[in-house]
Amino acid sequence: MVAFDHLVIHSSDPKQHQEMFSNFHNLVGVPGGKHEFWGTYNYLAFMKNNSYIEWLGVEDESVANQSDNPLIRQTAKARYNNIEGPIQFALRVSDIEYYINHFNEKGIKYEGPFPGSRRKTDGSLLEWRMLFPNLEETNQTLPFLIEWNGEGNIPNEISLINQTPFSTIEVNTEDVETYKRFLTNDLKLKETSDNIYQLENGLLKVQQGEGLKAEFDHITFQLK
């Protein structure tokens, strides 16, 4: 089943914003690392039920602006427009090739898969692949799919996992029906009630409007 993996928050100062969040909510946050080929870096907060929050910032603007990775382009654009807050989210899958084949069969445009990697603080190499589906019918940003190599992005110590679980990601879009068809037909998600889809570790809601809203138990992130 498809799972919520992480929320991407663009930040002009990931370290400061992660620390402010952690101090306010009495939670633990950690440095992530640098993505040298993308010109970005991040700080993280690992949450319960195998999810996490990523504060993503631009370290080398010239590199980020030239990236062919849609997430990095989106992050660079948010920086240029002085937008701070949740801009994207990732859904975790175990077989990204299945979706590549499915998108090809259905004629759904996509970018990727893009390989990614960074060194963790213990020196080990974290690797993943990202796939970005695109629907010409809507300008709404779709979630990207991520496949991790090995155990994935989990901390080395269990004490670094906060006991606050991911609960809901809400997408506000001008084209609700097109978005829902993508979730149902192409991601094979099950609509459990009106505009609400079941993920492995939480819910995905689709509403009329703009921006993203994510809930981790009692904590809410929102960009309008």
N, C-alpha and C. Protein backbone atom coordinates (compact mmCIF):
# COMPACT_ATOMS: atom_id res chain seq x y z
N MET A 1 0.84 -1.20 0.00
CA MET A 1 0.00 0.00 0.00
C MET A 1 0.87 1.25 0.00
N VAL A 2 0.36 2.31 -0.57
CA VAL A 2 1.06 3.58 -0.60
C VAL A 2 1.02 4.23 0.79
N ALA A 3 2.13 4.78 1.23
CA ALA A 3 2.22 5.40 2.55
C ALA A 3 2.65 6.86 2.43
N PHE A 4 2.24 7.66 3.39
CA PHE A 4 2.78 9.01 3.49
C PHE A 4 4.22 8.90 3.97
N ASP A 5 5.14 9.56 3.28
CA ASP A 5 6.55 9.48 3.65
C ASP A 5 6.98 10.73 4.39
N HIS A 6 6.89 11.89 3.73
CA HIS A 6 7.31 13.10 4.43
C HIS A 6 6.71 14.36 3.83
N LEU A 7 6.66 15.38 4.66
CA LEU A 7 6.20 16.71 4.28
C LEU A 7 7.42 17.57 3.99
N VAL A 8 7.39 18.27 2.87
CA VAL A 8 8.50 19.16 2.50
C VAL A 8 8.11 20.60 2.80
N ILE A 9 8.89 21.25 3.65
CA ILE A 9 8.66 22.65 4.02
C ILE A 9 9.83 23.47 3.49
N HIS A 10 9.54 24.44 2.61
CA HIS A 10 10.63 25.31 2.19
C HIS A 10 10.94 26.28 3.33
N SER A 11 12.21 26.45 3.60
CA SER A 11 12.65 27.33 4.68
C SER A 11 13.87 28.12 4.25
N SER A 12 13.89 29.39 4.61
CA SER A 12 15.08 30.20 4.35
C SER A 12 16.19 29.87 5.33
N ASP A 13 15.84 29.24 6.44
CA ASP A 13 16.82 28.84 7.46
C ASP A 13 16.34 27.55 8.10
N PRO A 14 16.59 26.39 7.47
CA PRO A 14 16.09 25.12 7.98
C PRO A 14 16.48 24.82 9.43
N LYS A 15 17.70 25.12 9.80
CA LYS A 15 18.16 24.85 11.16
C LYS A 15 17.34 25.64 12.17
N GLN A 16 17.18 26.92 11.92
CA GLN A 16 16.43 27.76 12.85
C GLN A 16 14.97 27.35 12.94
N HIS A 17 14.35 27.09 11.81
CA HIS A 17 12.92 26.74 11.81
C HIS A 17 12.68 25.36 12.40
N GLN A 18 13.59 24.42 12.17
CA GLN A 18 13.43 23.11 12.81
C GLN A 18 13.58 23.25 14.33
N GLU A 19 14.54 24.04 14.78
CA GLU A 19 14.76 24.20 16.21
C GLU A 19 13.60 24.94 16.87
N MET A 20 13.03 25.93 16.19
CA MET A 20 11.86 26.63 16.72
C MET A 20 10.69 25.67 16.87
N PHE A 21 10.47 24.84 15.86
CA PHE A 21 9.40 23.85 15.91
C PHE A 21 9.62 22.87 17.06
N SER A 22 10.83 22.33 17.16
CA SER A 22 11.13 21.33 18.17
C SER A 22 11.01 21.90 19.58
N ASN A 23 11.49 23.11 19.77
CA ASN A 23 11.41 23.73 21.10
C ASN A 23 9.97 24.03 21.49
N PHE A 24 9.18 24.51 20.54
CA PHE A 24 7.79 24.89 20.84
C PHE A 24 6.95 23.67 21.19
N HIS A 25 7.18 22.56 20.47
CA HIS A 25 6.37 21.36 20.67
C HIS A 25 7.06 20.31 21.54
N ASN A 26 8.23 20.66 22.06
CA ASN A 26 8.99 19.73 22.90
C ASN A 26 9.25 18.41 22.18
N LEU A 27 9.74 18.54 20.95
CA LEU A 27 10.05 17.39 20.12
C LEU A 27 11.52 17.42 19.71
N VAL A 28 11.96 16.32 19.13
CA VAL A 28 13.36 16.19 18.74
C VAL A 28 13.51 16.42 17.24
N GLY A 29 14.51 17.20 16.86
CA GLY A 29 14.84 17.39 15.45
C GLY A 29 16.32 17.13 15.24
N VAL A 30 16.69 16.86 14.00
CA VAL A 30 18.08 16.51 13.70
C VAL A 30 18.53 17.14 12.39
N PRO A 31 19.83 17.35 12.22
CA PRO A 31 20.33 17.75 10.90
C PRO A 31 20.12 16.62 9.92
N GLY A 32 19.78 16.96 8.70
CA GLY A 32 19.67 15.95 7.66
C GLY A 32 21.00 15.83 6.94
N GLY A 33 21.21 16.71 5.99
CA GLY A 33 22.47 16.68 5.27
C GLY A 33 22.41 17.59 4.06
N LYS A 34 23.43 17.52 3.24
CA LYS A 34 23.53 18.35 2.04
C LYS A 34 23.29 17.51 0.79
N HIS A 35 22.62 18.12 -0.17
CA HIS A 35 22.44 17.52 -1.49
C HIS A 35 23.30 18.33 -2.45
N GLU A 36 24.56 17.96 -2.56
CA GLU A 36 25.52 18.79 -3.28
C GLU A 36 25.16 18.98 -4.75
N PHE A 37 24.59 17.96 -5.38
CA PHE A 37 24.27 18.07 -6.80
C PHE A 37 23.01 18.89 -7.05
N TRP A 38 22.27 19.17 -5.96
CA TRP A 38 21.04 19.97 -6.09
C TRP A 38 21.18 21.36 -5.48
N GLY A 39 22.23 21.58 -4.71
CA GLY A 39 22.42 22.89 -4.08
C GLY A 39 21.50 23.13 -2.90
N THR A 40 21.03 22.06 -2.25
CA THR A 40 20.11 22.19 -1.13
C THR A 40 20.62 21.44 0.09
N TYR A 41 19.98 21.69 1.22
CA TYR A 41 20.28 20.97 2.46
C TYR A 41 19.02 20.93 3.30
N ASN A 42 19.00 20.07 4.33
CA ASN A 42 17.77 19.95 5.10
C ASN A 42 18.02 19.64 6.57
N TYR A 43 16.96 19.89 7.35
CA TYR A 43 16.85 19.47 8.74
C TYR A 43 15.55 18.69 8.86
N LEU A 44 15.50 17.75 9.81
CA LEU A 44 14.40 16.80 9.86
C LEU A 44 13.84 16.65 11.27
N ALA A 45 12.59 16.21 11.31
CA ALA A 45 11.98 15.73 12.55
C ALA A 45 11.28 14.42 12.23
N PHE A 46 11.79 13.32 12.79
CA PHE A 46 11.19 12.01 12.55
C PHE A 46 9.98 11.83 13.44
N MET A 47 8.89 11.38 12.85
CA MET A 47 7.64 11.23 13.58
C MET A 47 7.24 9.75 13.63
N LYS A 48 6.25 9.49 14.45
CA LYS A 48 5.76 8.12 14.60
C LYS A 48 5.14 7.64 13.29
N ASN A 49 4.91 6.38 13.16
CA ASN A 49 4.37 5.66 12.00
C ASN A 49 5.15 5.92 10.71
N ASN A 50 6.47 5.93 10.85
CA ASN A 50 7.38 5.96 9.69
C ASN A 50 7.11 7.15 8.79
N SER A 51 7.14 8.33 9.36
CA SER A 51 6.96 9.57 8.61
C SER A 51 7.93 10.61 9.16
N TYR A 52 8.11 11.69 8.41
CA TYR A 52 8.97 12.74 8.93
C TYR A 52 8.66 14.08 8.27
N ILE A 53 9.19 15.12 8.86
CA ILE A 53 9.05 16.49 8.36
C ILE A 53 10.43 16.95 7.89
N GLU A 54 10.47 17.55 6.72
CA GLU A 54 11.73 18.03 6.15
C GLU A 54 11.66 19.54 5.94
N TRP A 55 12.61 20.24 6.57
CA TRP A 55 12.79 21.67 6.28
C TRP A 55 13.89 21.75 5.23
N LEU A 56 13.54 22.16 4.03
CA LEU A 56 14.46 22.14 2.90
C LEU A 56 14.85 23.56 2.51
N GLY A 57 16.15 23.80 2.43
CA GLY A 57 16.64 25.13 2.09
C GLY A 57 17.64 25.09 0.95
N VAL A 58 17.83 26.23 0.34
CA VAL A 58 18.78 26.37 -0.77
C VAL A 58 20.10 26.86 -0.22
N GLU A 59 21.16 26.12 -0.51
CA GLU A 59 22.51 26.51 -0.07
C GLU A 59 23.29 27.14 -1.22
N ASP A 60 23.14 26.60 -2.42
CA ASP A 60 23.82 27.12 -3.59
C ASP A 60 22.76 27.45 -4.64
N GLU A 61 22.42 28.73 -4.73
CA GLU A 61 21.32 29.15 -5.58
C GLU A 61 21.57 28.85 -7.06
N SER A 62 22.80 29.00 -7.50
CA SER A 62 23.11 28.76 -8.91
C SER A 62 22.90 27.31 -9.29
N VAL A 63 23.28 26.40 -8.39
CA VAL A 63 23.09 24.97 -8.64
C VAL A 63 21.61 24.61 -8.60
N ALA A 64 20.90 25.11 -7.60
CA ALA A 64 19.47 24.80 -7.45
C ALA A 64 18.67 25.30 -8.65
N ASN A 65 18.99 26.49 -9.13
CA ASN A 65 18.25 27.08 -10.24
C ASN A 65 18.42 26.30 -11.54
N GLN A 66 19.50 25.55 -11.66
CA GLN A 66 19.77 24.80 -12.88
C GLN A 66 19.37 23.33 -12.76
N SER A 67 18.79 22.92 -11.64
CA SER A 67 18.46 21.53 -11.43
C SER A 67 17.32 21.09 -12.35
N ASP A 68 17.37 19.83 -12.78
CA ASP A 68 16.28 19.26 -13.56
C ASP A 68 15.29 18.51 -12.66
N ASN A 69 15.55 18.48 -11.35
CA ASN A 69 14.67 17.82 -10.41
C ASN A 69 13.49 18.75 -10.08
N PRO A 70 12.25 18.32 -10.31
CA PRO A 70 11.09 19.18 -10.08
C PRO A 70 10.99 19.72 -8.66
N LEU A 71 11.36 18.91 -7.65
CA LEU A 71 11.27 19.38 -6.26
C LEU A 71 12.27 20.50 -6.02
N ILE A 72 13.44 20.38 -6.58
CA ILE A 72 14.45 21.42 -6.39
C ILE A 72 14.04 22.69 -7.13
N ARG A 73 13.48 22.54 -8.32
CA ARG A 73 12.97 23.70 -9.05
C ARG A 73 11.86 24.38 -8.25
N GLN A 74 10.98 23.58 -7.66
CA GLN A 74 9.90 24.12 -6.86
C GLN A 74 10.43 24.85 -5.62
N THR A 75 11.45 24.28 -5.02
CA THR A 75 12.07 24.90 -3.84
C THR A 75 12.75 26.22 -4.21
N ALA A 76 13.47 26.23 -5.33
CA ALA A 76 14.13 27.45 -5.80
C ALA A 76 13.09 28.53 -6.12
N LYS A 77 11.97 28.12 -6.69
CA LYS A 77 10.90 29.08 -7.00
C LYS A 77 10.30 29.65 -5.72
N ALA A 78 10.10 28.79 -4.72
CA ALA A 78 9.56 29.26 -3.44
C ALA A 78 10.52 30.25 -2.79
N ARG A 79 11.81 29.98 -2.89
CA ARG A 79 12.81 30.91 -2.35
C ARG A 79 12.74 32.25 -3.07
N TYR A 80 12.65 32.21 -4.40
CA TYR A 80 12.59 33.43 -5.20
C TYR A 80 11.36 34.26 -4.85
N ASN A 81 10.25 33.59 -4.59
CA ASN A 81 8.98 34.27 -4.28
C ASN A 81 8.77 34.50 -2.79
N ASN A 82 9.78 34.20 -1.98
CA ASN A 82 9.71 34.40 -0.53
C ASN A 82 8.54 33.64 0.10
N ILE A 83 8.31 32.42 -0.38
CA ILE A 83 7.26 31.57 0.17
C ILE A 83 7.90 30.59 1.14
N GLU A 84 7.42 30.60 2.38
CA GLU A 84 7.93 29.65 3.37
C GLU A 84 6.77 28.86 3.94
N GLY A 85 6.95 27.55 4.00
CA GLY A 85 5.90 26.69 4.50
C GLY A 85 5.85 25.41 3.69
N PRO A 86 4.84 24.56 3.93
CA PRO A 86 4.74 23.29 3.21
C PRO A 86 4.45 23.52 1.73
N ILE A 87 5.29 22.94 0.88
CA ILE A 87 5.13 23.12 -0.56
C ILE A 87 4.91 21.81 -1.30
N GLN A 88 5.18 20.67 -0.66
CA GLN A 88 5.11 19.40 -1.37
C GLN A 88 5.11 18.27 -0.34
N PHE A 89 4.71 17.07 -0.79
CA PHE A 89 4.80 15.89 0.08
C PHE A 89 5.11 14.68 -0.77
N ALA A 90 5.68 13.69 -0.12
CA ALA A 90 6.09 12.46 -0.80
C ALA A 90 5.27 11.29 -0.31
N LEU A 91 4.91 10.43 -1.25
CA LEU A 91 4.25 9.17 -0.94
C LEU A 91 5.24 8.04 -1.17
N ARG A 92 5.36 7.16 -0.21
CA ARG A 92 6.35 6.09 -0.25
C ARG A 92 5.76 4.85 -0.94
N VAL A 93 6.54 4.32 -1.88
CA VAL A 93 6.15 3.08 -2.57
C VAL A 93 7.32 2.11 -2.53
N SER A 94 7.02 0.83 -2.70
CA SER A 94 8.07 -0.19 -2.63
C SER A 94 8.57 -0.60 -4.01
N ASP A 95 7.79 -0.27 -5.07
CA ASP A 95 8.16 -0.67 -6.42
C ASP A 95 7.87 0.48 -7.39
N ILE A 96 8.82 1.38 -7.54
CA ILE A 96 8.59 2.55 -8.37
C ILE A 96 8.50 2.18 -9.85
N GLU A 97 9.10 1.06 -10.23
CA GLU A 97 9.03 0.62 -11.61
C GLU A 97 7.59 0.28 -12.02
N TYR A 98 6.80 -0.20 -11.08
CA TYR A 98 5.40 -0.50 -11.36
C TYR A 98 4.69 0.77 -11.83
N TYR A 99 4.94 1.88 -11.16
CA TYR A 99 4.27 3.13 -11.50
C TYR A 99 4.81 3.71 -12.81
N ILE A 100 6.08 3.52 -13.06
CA ILE A 100 6.64 3.97 -14.34
C ILE A 100 5.95 3.24 -15.49
N ASN A 101 5.82 1.92 -15.36
CA ASN A 101 5.15 1.13 -16.40
C ASN A 101 3.68 1.52 -16.53
N HIS A 102 3.04 1.72 -15.39
CA HIS A 102 1.62 2.09 -15.40
C HIS A 102 1.41 3.46 -16.05
N PHE A 103 2.24 4.42 -15.70
CA PHE A 103 2.12 5.76 -16.30
C PHE A 103 2.36 5.70 -17.80
N ASN A 104 3.32 4.88 -18.22
CA ASN A 104 3.60 4.73 -19.65
C ASN A 104 2.39 4.14 -20.38
N GLU A 105 1.77 3.14 -19.76
CA GLU A 105 0.61 2.50 -20.39
C GLU A 105 -0.57 3.45 -20.49
N LYS A 106 -0.75 4.30 -19.49
CA LYS A 106 -1.89 5.21 -19.45
C LYS A 106 -1.60 6.55 -20.13
N GLY A 107 -0.36 6.74 -20.58
CA GLY A 107 -0.01 8.00 -21.23
C GLY A 107 0.09 9.17 -20.27
N ILE A 108 0.38 8.88 -19.01
CA ILE A 108 0.53 9.94 -18.01
C ILE A 108 1.96 10.44 -18.04
N LYS A 109 2.12 11.72 -18.17
CA LYS A 109 3.46 12.29 -18.23
C LYS A 109 4.09 12.29 -16.83
N TYR A 110 5.39 12.16 -16.81
CA TYR A 110 6.10 12.17 -15.54
C TYR A 110 7.55 12.59 -15.79
N GLU A 111 8.22 12.95 -14.73
CA GLU A 111 9.64 13.24 -14.78
C GLU A 111 10.35 12.31 -13.81
N GLY A 112 11.48 11.77 -14.26
CA GLY A 112 12.22 10.85 -13.42
C GLY A 112 12.25 9.45 -14.02
N PRO A 113 12.69 8.47 -13.20
CA PRO A 113 13.01 8.63 -11.78
C PRO A 113 14.36 9.32 -11.57
N PHE A 114 14.42 10.16 -10.54
CA PHE A 114 15.65 10.87 -10.20
C PHE A 114 16.31 10.16 -9.02
N PRO A 115 17.56 9.75 -9.18
CA PRO A 115 18.27 9.17 -8.03
C PRO A 115 18.68 10.26 -7.06
N GLY A 116 18.65 9.95 -5.78
CA GLY A 116 19.09 10.88 -4.77
C GLY A 116 19.95 10.18 -3.74
N SER A 117 20.83 10.92 -3.10
CA SER A 117 21.66 10.34 -2.06
C SER A 117 22.25 11.44 -1.20
N ARG A 118 22.59 11.10 0.02
CA ARG A 118 23.34 12.00 0.91
C ARG A 118 23.99 11.17 1.99
N ARG A 119 25.04 11.72 2.57
CA ARG A 119 25.73 11.06 3.67
C ARG A 119 25.03 11.39 4.98
N LYS A 120 24.74 10.36 5.75
CA LYS A 120 24.16 10.56 7.08
C LYS A 120 25.27 10.93 8.06
N THR A 121 24.88 11.35 9.24
CA THR A 121 25.87 11.80 10.22
C THR A 121 26.81 10.68 10.65
N ASP A 122 26.39 9.42 10.50
CA ASP A 122 27.26 8.30 10.86
C ASP A 122 28.16 7.88 9.69
N GLY A 123 28.08 8.61 8.58
CA GLY A 123 28.92 8.32 7.43
C GLY A 123 28.31 7.37 6.41
N SER A 124 27.18 6.74 6.75
CA SER A 124 26.53 5.81 5.83
C SER A 124 25.83 6.58 4.71
N LEU A 125 25.62 5.92 3.59
CA LEU A 125 25.02 6.55 2.42
C LEU A 125 23.54 6.22 2.36
N LEU A 126 22.72 7.27 2.32
CA LEU A 126 21.28 7.12 2.17
C LEU A 126 20.93 7.35 0.70
N GLU A 127 20.19 6.40 0.10
CA GLU A 127 19.88 6.49 -1.32
C GLU A 127 18.39 6.30 -1.55
N TRP A 128 17.89 6.95 -2.59
CA TRP A 128 16.47 6.86 -2.92
C TRP A 128 16.25 7.22 -4.39
N ARG A 129 15.01 6.99 -4.86
CA ARG A 129 14.59 7.41 -6.19
C ARG A 129 13.27 8.16 -6.09
N MET A 130 13.10 9.16 -6.96
CA MET A 130 11.91 10.00 -6.92
C MET A 130 11.27 10.04 -8.30
N LEU A 131 9.93 9.96 -8.32
CA LEU A 131 9.17 9.99 -9.57
C LEU A 131 8.10 11.06 -9.45
N PHE A 132 8.01 11.93 -10.46
CA PHE A 132 7.10 13.08 -10.42
C PHE A 132 6.05 12.98 -11.52
N PRO A 133 4.86 12.47 -11.19
CA PRO A 133 3.78 12.43 -12.19
C PRO A 133 3.27 13.84 -12.48
N ASN A 134 2.75 14.03 -13.69
CA ASN A 134 2.26 15.35 -14.09
C ASN A 134 0.98 15.19 -14.89
N LEU A 135 -0.03 15.96 -14.54
CA LEU A 135 -1.29 15.96 -15.27
C LEU A 135 -1.45 17.29 -15.97
N GLU A 136 -1.61 17.25 -17.27
CA GLU A 136 -1.75 18.49 -18.04
C GLU A 136 -3.08 19.17 -17.76
N GLU A 137 -4.07 18.40 -17.27
CA GLU A 137 -5.40 18.97 -17.04
C GLU A 137 -5.44 19.94 -15.86
N THR A 138 -4.46 19.86 -14.98
CA THR A 138 -4.49 20.69 -13.78
C THR A 138 -3.11 21.25 -13.49
N ASN A 139 -3.09 22.44 -12.92
CA ASN A 139 -1.82 23.06 -12.53
C ASN A 139 -1.42 22.68 -11.11
N GLN A 140 -2.28 21.91 -10.44
CA GLN A 140 -2.00 21.52 -9.06
C GLN A 140 -0.78 20.61 -8.98
N THR A 141 0.08 20.88 -8.04
CA THR A 141 1.24 20.02 -7.82
C THR A 141 0.79 18.67 -7.26
N LEU A 142 1.18 17.61 -7.95
CA LEU A 142 0.89 16.28 -7.46
C LEU A 142 1.99 15.82 -6.51
N PRO A 143 1.68 14.91 -5.58
CA PRO A 143 2.74 14.39 -4.73
C PRO A 143 3.75 13.62 -5.58
N PHE A 144 4.99 13.57 -5.13
CA PHE A 144 5.95 12.73 -5.83
C PHE A 144 6.07 11.39 -5.10
N LEU A 145 6.47 10.38 -5.84
CA LEU A 145 6.64 9.04 -5.28
C LEU A 145 8.11 8.84 -4.94
N ILE A 146 8.35 8.20 -3.83
CA ILE A 146 9.72 7.96 -3.40
C ILE A 146 9.90 6.49 -3.04
N GLU A 147 11.00 5.94 -3.49
CA GLU A 147 11.38 4.56 -3.18
C GLU A 147 12.76 4.59 -2.52
N TRP A 148 12.84 4.07 -1.32
CA TRP A 148 14.10 4.08 -0.57
C TRP A 148 14.88 2.80 -0.80
N ASN A 149 16.18 2.94 -0.77
CA ASN A 149 17.05 1.78 -0.83
C ASN A 149 17.30 1.29 0.59
N GLY A 150 17.05 0.02 0.83
CA GLY A 150 17.26 -0.52 2.17
C GLY A 150 16.17 -0.11 3.13
N GLU A 151 16.54 0.21 4.36
CA GLU A 151 15.57 0.52 5.40
C GLU A 151 14.94 1.90 5.22
N GLY A 152 15.57 2.73 4.41
CA GLY A 152 15.01 4.06 4.19
C GLY A 152 15.53 5.10 5.16
N ASN A 153 14.83 6.22 5.18
CA ASN A 153 15.28 7.36 5.98
C ASN A 153 14.77 7.24 7.41
N ILE A 154 15.48 6.48 8.20
CA ILE A 154 15.15 6.33 9.61
C ILE A 154 16.39 6.69 10.43
N PRO A 155 16.19 7.23 11.62
CA PRO A 155 17.35 7.65 12.42
C PRO A 155 18.12 6.45 12.97
N ASN A 156 19.36 6.71 13.33
CA ASN A 156 20.20 5.66 13.87
C ASN A 156 19.79 5.25 15.29
N GLU A 157 19.13 6.18 15.99
CA GLU A 157 18.71 5.90 17.36
C GLU A 157 17.20 6.06 17.47
N ILE A 158 16.55 5.11 18.11
CA ILE A 158 15.10 5.15 18.25
C ILE A 158 14.64 6.34 19.07
N SER A 159 15.51 6.87 19.91
CA SER A 159 15.15 8.04 20.74
C SER A 159 14.94 9.29 19.89
N LEU A 160 15.37 9.26 18.64
CA LEU A 160 15.20 10.40 17.76
C LEU A 160 13.86 10.39 17.03
N ILE A 161 13.06 9.36 17.26
CA ILE A 161 11.73 9.29 16.66
C ILE A 161 10.72 9.84 17.65
N ASN A 162 10.06 10.93 17.29
CA ASN A 162 9.03 11.51 18.15
C ASN A 162 7.80 10.62 18.15
N GLN A 163 7.08 10.64 19.24
CA GLN A 163 5.90 9.78 19.37
C GLN A 163 4.62 10.46 18.88
N THR A 164 4.77 11.53 18.14
CA THR A 164 3.64 12.20 17.51
C THR A 164 3.46 11.63 16.10
N PRO A 165 2.31 11.04 15.78
CA PRO A 165 2.16 10.38 14.48
C PRO A 165 1.64 11.32 13.39
N PHE A 166 2.01 11.01 12.16
CA PHE A 166 1.33 11.63 11.03
C PHE A 166 -0.12 11.16 11.02
N SER A 167 -1.05 12.08 10.70
CA SER A 167 -2.45 11.67 10.64
C SER A 167 -3.10 11.99 9.30
N THR A 168 -2.92 13.23 8.77
CA THR A 168 -3.64 13.61 7.56
C THR A 168 -2.84 14.59 6.71
N ILE A 169 -2.88 14.39 5.40
CA ILE A 169 -2.39 15.40 4.46
C ILE A 169 -3.60 15.85 3.65
N GLU A 170 -3.82 17.14 3.57
CA GLU A 170 -4.97 17.70 2.85
C GLU A 170 -4.48 18.52 1.67
N VAL A 171 -4.96 18.17 0.48
CA VAL A 171 -4.62 18.89 -0.74
C VAL A 171 -5.81 19.77 -1.11
N ASN A 172 -5.57 21.04 -1.28
CA ASN A 172 -6.60 21.97 -1.73
C ASN A 172 -6.30 22.33 -3.18
N THR A 173 -7.25 22.04 -4.06
CA THR A 173 -7.02 22.19 -5.49
C THR A 173 -8.24 22.80 -6.16
N GLU A 174 -8.03 23.46 -7.29
CA GLU A 174 -9.14 24.02 -8.05
C GLU A 174 -9.87 22.94 -8.84
N ASP A 175 -9.23 21.81 -9.07
CA ASP A 175 -9.81 20.75 -9.89
C ASP A 175 -9.87 19.46 -9.07
N VAL A 176 -10.85 19.38 -8.21
CA VAL A 176 -10.97 18.26 -7.29
C VAL A 176 -11.17 16.94 -8.02
N GLU A 177 -12.04 16.91 -9.02
CA GLU A 177 -12.37 15.67 -9.69
C GLU A 177 -11.19 15.07 -10.44
N THR A 178 -10.41 15.92 -11.13
CA THR A 178 -9.22 15.42 -11.84
C THR A 178 -8.20 14.86 -10.86
N TYR A 179 -8.03 15.56 -9.75
CA TYR A 179 -7.09 15.11 -8.73
C TYR A 179 -7.53 13.76 -8.16
N LYS A 180 -8.84 13.63 -7.91
CA LYS A 180 -9.36 12.39 -7.35
C LYS A 180 -9.22 11.23 -8.34
N ARG A 181 -9.43 11.48 -9.61
CA ARG A 181 -9.26 10.42 -10.61
C ARG A 181 -7.82 9.93 -10.64
N PHE A 182 -6.89 10.85 -10.48
CA PHE A 182 -5.48 10.44 -10.44
C PHE A 182 -5.21 9.55 -9.24
N LEU A 183 -5.72 9.93 -8.08
CA LEU A 183 -5.50 9.13 -6.88
C LEU A 183 -6.13 7.75 -6.99
N THR A 184 -7.33 7.70 -7.54
CA THR A 184 -8.07 6.44 -7.63
C THR A 184 -7.53 5.54 -8.75
N ASN A 185 -7.41 6.10 -9.95
CA ASN A 185 -7.09 5.28 -11.11
C ASN A 185 -5.59 5.01 -11.27
N ASP A 186 -4.77 5.97 -10.88
CA ASP A 186 -3.34 5.87 -11.17
C ASP A 186 -2.49 5.52 -9.96
N LEU A 187 -2.88 5.99 -8.79
CA LEU A 187 -2.16 5.57 -7.59
C LEU A 187 -2.86 4.42 -6.88
N LYS A 188 -4.06 4.08 -7.35
CA LYS A 188 -4.80 2.94 -6.82
C LYS A 188 -5.14 3.11 -5.33
N LEU A 189 -5.41 4.34 -4.93
CA LEU A 189 -5.80 4.59 -3.55
C LEU A 189 -7.30 4.35 -3.39
N LYS A 190 -7.71 3.96 -2.20
CA LYS A 190 -9.11 3.67 -1.93
C LYS A 190 -9.78 4.86 -1.26
N GLU A 191 -10.88 5.32 -1.87
CA GLU A 191 -11.65 6.41 -1.29
C GLU A 191 -12.58 5.83 -0.23
N THR A 192 -12.29 6.10 1.03
CA THR A 192 -13.05 5.50 2.12
C THR A 192 -14.33 6.27 2.42
N SER A 193 -14.34 7.56 2.14
CA SER A 193 -15.53 8.40 2.24
C SER A 193 -15.32 9.57 1.30
N ASP A 194 -16.25 10.49 1.23
CA ASP A 194 -16.18 11.58 0.26
C ASP A 194 -14.86 12.34 0.37
N ASN A 195 -14.06 12.25 -0.72
CA ASN A 195 -12.81 13.01 -0.85
C ASN A 195 -11.74 12.63 0.16
N ILE A 196 -11.86 11.48 0.78
CA ILE A 196 -10.88 11.02 1.77
C ILE A 196 -10.34 9.66 1.33
N TYR A 197 -9.01 9.54 1.27
CA TYR A 197 -8.35 8.34 0.79
C TYR A 197 -7.49 7.74 1.90
N GLN A 198 -7.47 6.41 1.92
CA GLN A 198 -6.71 5.70 2.94
C GLN A 198 -5.27 5.49 2.47
N LEU A 199 -4.31 5.90 3.30
CA LEU A 199 -2.91 5.58 3.10
C LEU A 199 -2.52 4.52 4.12
N GLU A 200 -1.35 3.98 3.97
CA GLU A 200 -0.90 2.94 4.89
C GLU A 200 -0.82 3.45 6.32
N ASN A 201 -0.49 4.73 6.47
CA ASN A 201 -0.25 5.27 7.80
C ASN A 201 -1.03 6.55 8.09
N GLY A 202 -2.14 6.76 7.39
CA GLY A 202 -2.92 7.96 7.64
C GLY A 202 -3.92 8.20 6.52
N LEU A 203 -4.35 9.45 6.38
CA LEU A 203 -5.37 9.81 5.40
C LEU A 203 -4.88 10.90 4.47
N LEU A 204 -5.44 10.90 3.26
CA LEU A 204 -5.22 11.96 2.29
C LEU A 204 -6.57 12.54 1.92
N LYS A 205 -6.73 13.86 2.11
CA LYS A 205 -7.99 14.53 1.80
C LYS A 205 -7.80 15.45 0.61
N VAL A 206 -8.86 15.58 -0.20
CA VAL A 206 -8.85 16.49 -1.34
C VAL A 206 -10.01 17.46 -1.18
N GLN A 207 -9.69 18.76 -1.20
CA GLN A 207 -10.70 19.79 -1.01
C GLN A 207 -10.56 20.88 -2.07
N GLN A 208 -11.62 21.65 -2.23
CA GLN A 208 -11.58 22.79 -3.13
C GLN A 208 -10.80 23.92 -2.47
N GLY A 209 -9.87 24.51 -3.21
CA GLY A 209 -9.11 25.64 -2.66
C GLY A 209 -7.68 25.64 -3.15
N GLU A 210 -6.79 26.20 -2.32
CA GLU A 210 -5.38 26.28 -2.67
C GLU A 210 -4.51 25.90 -1.47
N GLY A 211 -3.36 25.32 -1.75
CA GLY A 211 -2.37 25.06 -0.71
C GLY A 211 -2.47 23.69 -0.08
N LEU A 212 -1.52 23.43 0.79
CA LEU A 212 -1.43 22.15 1.50
C LEU A 212 -1.68 22.36 2.99
N LYS A 213 -2.21 21.30 3.61
CA LYS A 213 -2.38 21.28 5.05
C LYS A 213 -2.00 19.90 5.55
N ALA A 214 -1.12 19.82 6.50
CA ALA A 214 -0.68 18.54 7.05
C ALA A 214 -0.89 18.53 8.55
N GLU A 215 -1.34 17.39 9.05
CA GLU A 215 -1.58 17.25 10.48
C GLU A 215 -0.78 16.06 11.03
N PHE A 216 -0.04 16.34 12.07
CA PHE A 216 0.67 15.32 12.83
C PHE A 216 0.07 15.35 14.23
N ASP A 217 -0.96 14.51 14.41
CA ASP A 217 -1.74 14.52 15.64
C ASP A 217 -2.30 15.93 15.85
N HIS A 218 -1.88 16.66 16.87
CA HIS A 218 -2.42 17.97 17.18
C HIS A 218 -1.67 19.11 16.51
N ILE A 219 -0.61 18.80 15.76
CA ILE A 219 0.22 19.82 15.13
C ILE A 219 -0.19 19.98 13.67
N THR A 220 -0.41 21.24 13.27
CA THR A 220 -0.87 21.52 11.91
C THR A 220 0.11 22.42 11.18
N PHE A 221 0.42 22.04 9.95
CA PHE A 221 1.19 22.88 9.03
C PHE A 221 0.27 23.25 7.88
N GLN A 222 0.30 24.52 7.47
CA GLN A 222 -0.61 24.92 6.39
C GLN A 222 0.00 26.04 5.58
N LEU A 223 -0.18 25.94 4.28
CA LEU A 223 0.23 26.99 3.35
C LEU A 223 -0.96 27.31 2.48
N LYS A 224 -1.41 28.56 2.51
CA LYS A 224 -2.56 28.99 1.74
C LYS A 224 -2.10 29.82 0.55
